[in-house]
C-alpha atoms as a PDB file:
ATOM      1  CA  MET A   1     183.515  24.249 344.732  1.00  0.00           C
ATOM      2  CA  THR A   2     181.746  26.229 341.784  1.00  0.00           C
ATOM      3  CA  GLY A   3     181.235  29.965 341.716  1.00  0.00           C
ATOM      4  CA  ALA A   4     177.336  29.208 342.361  1.00  0.00           C
ATOM      5  CA  GLU A   5     177.749  27.253 345.440  1.00  0.00           C
ATOM      6  CA  ALA A   6     180.337  30.005 346.761  1.00  0.00           C
ATOM      7  CA  LEU A   7     177.700  32.643 345.873  1.00  0.00           C
ATOM      8  CA  ASP A   8     174.857  30.547 347.588  1.00  0.00           C
ATOM      9  CA  ILE A   9     176.909  30.005 350.897  1.00  0.00           C
ATOM     10  CA  ALA A  10     177.561  33.983 351.015  1.00  0.00           C
ATOM     11  CA  SER A  11     173.959  34.383 350.149  1.00  0.00           C
ATOM     12  CA  GLN A  12     173.144  32.294 353.228  1.00  0.00           C
ATOM     13  CA  GLY A  13     175.557  33.989 355.170  1.00  0.00           C
ATOM     14  CA  ILE A  14     174.059  37.314 354.397  1.00  0.00           C
ATOM     15  CA  TRP A  15     170.442  36.161 355.317  1.00  0.00           C
ATOM     16  CA  THR A  16     171.880  34.672 358.344  1.00  0.00           C
ATOM     17  CA  LEU A  17     173.339  37.997 359.492  1.00  0.00           C
ATOM     18  CA  ILE A  18     170.302  39.896 358.712  1.00  0.00           C
ATOM     19  CA  ILE A  19     168.080  37.550 360.615  1.00  0.00           C
ATOM     20  CA  MET A  20     170.556  37.416 363.494  1.00  0.00           C
ATOM     21  CA  SER A  21     170.661  41.497 363.522  1.00  0.00           C
ATOM     22  CA  LEU A  22     166.918  41.759 363.345  1.00  0.00           C
ATOM     23  CA  PRO A  23     165.605  41.876 366.865  1.00  0.00           C
ATOM     24  CA  MET A  24     168.570  44.063 368.227  1.00  0.00           C
ATOM     25  CA  MET A  25     168.092  46.703 365.460  1.00  0.00           C
ATOM     26  CA  LEU A  26     163.959  46.935 365.939  1.00  0.00           C
ATOM     27  CA  VAL A  27     164.503  47.156 369.687  1.00  0.00           C
ATOM     28  CA  GLY A  28     167.117  49.957 369.176  1.00  0.00           C
ATOM     29  CA  LEU A  29     164.744  51.733 366.734  1.00  0.00           C
ATOM     30  CA  VAL A  30     161.688  51.279 368.815  1.00  0.00           C
ATOM     31  CA  VAL A  31     163.672  52.660 371.659  1.00  0.00           C
ATOM     32  CA  GLY A  32     165.121  55.327 369.929  1.00  0.00           C
ATOM     33  CA  VAL A  33     161.633  56.668 368.567  1.00  0.00           C
ATOM     34  CA  VAL A  34     160.012  56.776 372.130  1.00  0.00           C
ATOM     35  CA  ILE A  35     163.099  58.608 373.351  1.00  0.00           C
ATOM     36  CA  ALA A  36     162.840  61.110 370.610  1.00  0.00           C
ATOM     37  CA  LEU A  37     158.860  61.402 371.307  1.00  0.00           C
ATOM     38  CA  PHE A  38     159.771  61.900 374.736  1.00  0.00           C
ATOM     39  CA  GLN A  39     162.064  64.554 374.060  1.00  0.00           C
ATOM     40  CA  ALA A  40     160.153  66.265 371.727  1.00  0.00           C
ATOM     41  CA  LEU A  41     157.349  66.408 374.064  1.00  0.00           C
ATOM     42  CA  THR A  42     159.412  67.597 376.862  1.00  0.00           C
ATOM     43  CA  GLN A  43     161.609  69.989 375.033  1.00  0.00           C
ATOM     44  CA  ILE A  44     164.803  68.099 376.712  1.00  0.00           C
ATOM     45  CA  GLN A  45     167.290  68.273 373.938  1.00  0.00           C
ATOM     46  CA  GLU A  46     170.040  66.167 375.953  1.00  0.00           C
ATOM     47  CA  MET A  47     172.144  64.622 373.070  1.00  0.00           C
ATOM     48  CA  THR A  48     173.679  61.499 375.312  1.00  0.00           C
ATOM     49  CA  LEU A  49     169.880  60.706 376.758  1.00  0.00           C
ATOM     50  CA  VAL A  50     169.123  58.266 373.926  1.00  0.00           C
ATOM     51  CA  PHE A  51     172.630  56.137 374.496  1.00  0.00           C
ATOM     52  CA  VAL A  52     172.154  54.443 377.704  1.00  0.00           C
ATOM     53  CA  PRO A  53     168.440  53.526 377.524  1.00  0.00           C
ATOM     54  CA  LYS A  54     169.033  52.149 374.265  1.00  0.00           C
ATOM     55  CA  ILE A  55     172.366  50.219 375.214  1.00  0.00           C
ATOM     56  CA  ILE A  56     170.391  48.500 377.810  1.00  0.00           C
ATOM     57  CA  ALA A  57     167.480  47.709 375.702  1.00  0.00           C
ATOM     58  CA  ILE A  58     169.904  46.406 373.269  1.00  0.00           C
ATOM     59  CA  PHE A  59     171.793  44.372 375.720  1.00  0.00           C
ATOM     60  CA  ILE A  60     168.675  42.887 377.571  1.00  0.00           C
ATOM     61  CA  THR A  61     167.468  41.928 373.976  1.00  0.00           C
ATOM     62  CA  MET A  62     170.635  40.096 373.265  1.00  0.00           C
ATOM     63  CA  LEU A  63     170.506  37.932 376.439  1.00  0.00           C
ATOM     64  CA  ILE A  64     166.689  37.106 375.723  1.00  0.00           C
ATOM     65  CA  ALA A  65     167.562  36.115 371.906  1.00  0.00           C
ATOM     66  CA  LEU A  66     170.811  34.200 372.777  1.00  0.00           C
ATOM     67  CA  PRO A  67     169.295  30.881 372.513  1.00  0.00           C
ATOM     68  CA  PHE A  68     167.862  31.738 368.886  1.00  0.00           C
ATOM     69  CA  LEU A  69     171.139  33.462 367.883  1.00  0.00           C
ATOM     70  CA  GLY A  70     173.012  30.163 368.890  1.00  0.00           C
ATOM     71  CA  ALA A  71     170.516  28.082 367.055  1.00  0.00           C
ATOM     72  CA  THR A  72     170.764  30.257 363.681  1.00  0.00           C
ATOM     73  CA  MET A  73     174.520  30.325 363.742  1.00  0.00           C
ATOM     74  CA  SER A  74     174.840  26.551 364.688  1.00  0.00           C
ATOM     75  CA  GLY A  75     172.231  26.050 361.790  1.00  0.00           C
ATOM     76  CA  TYR A  76     174.256  27.675 359.337  1.00  0.00           C
ATOM     77  CA  MET A  77     177.719  26.075 360.378  1.00  0.00           C
ATOM     78  CA  MET A  78     176.151  22.961 360.006  1.00  0.00           C
ATOM     79  CA  ARG A  79     175.102  23.665 356.213  1.00  0.00           C
ATOM     80  CA  VAL A  80     178.388  24.856 355.659  1.00  0.00           C
ATOM     81  CA  VAL A  81     179.900  21.940 357.084  1.00  0.00           C
ATOM     82  CA  ASP A  82     177.878  19.698 355.219  1.00  0.00           C
ATOM     83  CA  MET A  83     178.576  21.562 351.829  1.00  0.00           C
ATOM     84  CA  ILE A  84     182.349  20.935 352.690  1.00  0.00           C
ATOM     85  CA  ILE A  85     182.106  17.522 353.858  1.00  0.00           C
ATOM     86  CA  VAL A  86     180.105  16.583 350.561  1.00  0.00           C
ATOM     87  CA  GLY A  87     182.108  18.619 348.263  1.00  0.00           C
ATOM     88  CA  GLY A  88     179.181  20.806 347.057  1.00  0.00           C
END
């Protein structure tokens, strides 16, 4: 395996990581902004108010996106295994 092939596998791994984490990160961002807006409008400045809804929303998103996450990881693993079998 050459250096270019190793960099290609690493690049694909990073993109796979970004694609897999994107749904949870976006939901966390939206929930955080909505709760921050709610806190600003009601002047409730409780620091722990953000954590529980954000954790629940991210967990539900992870459960919904689990088939997509599994297919993405499976596709990446199959590409890596094919490169190992073929030898590059």
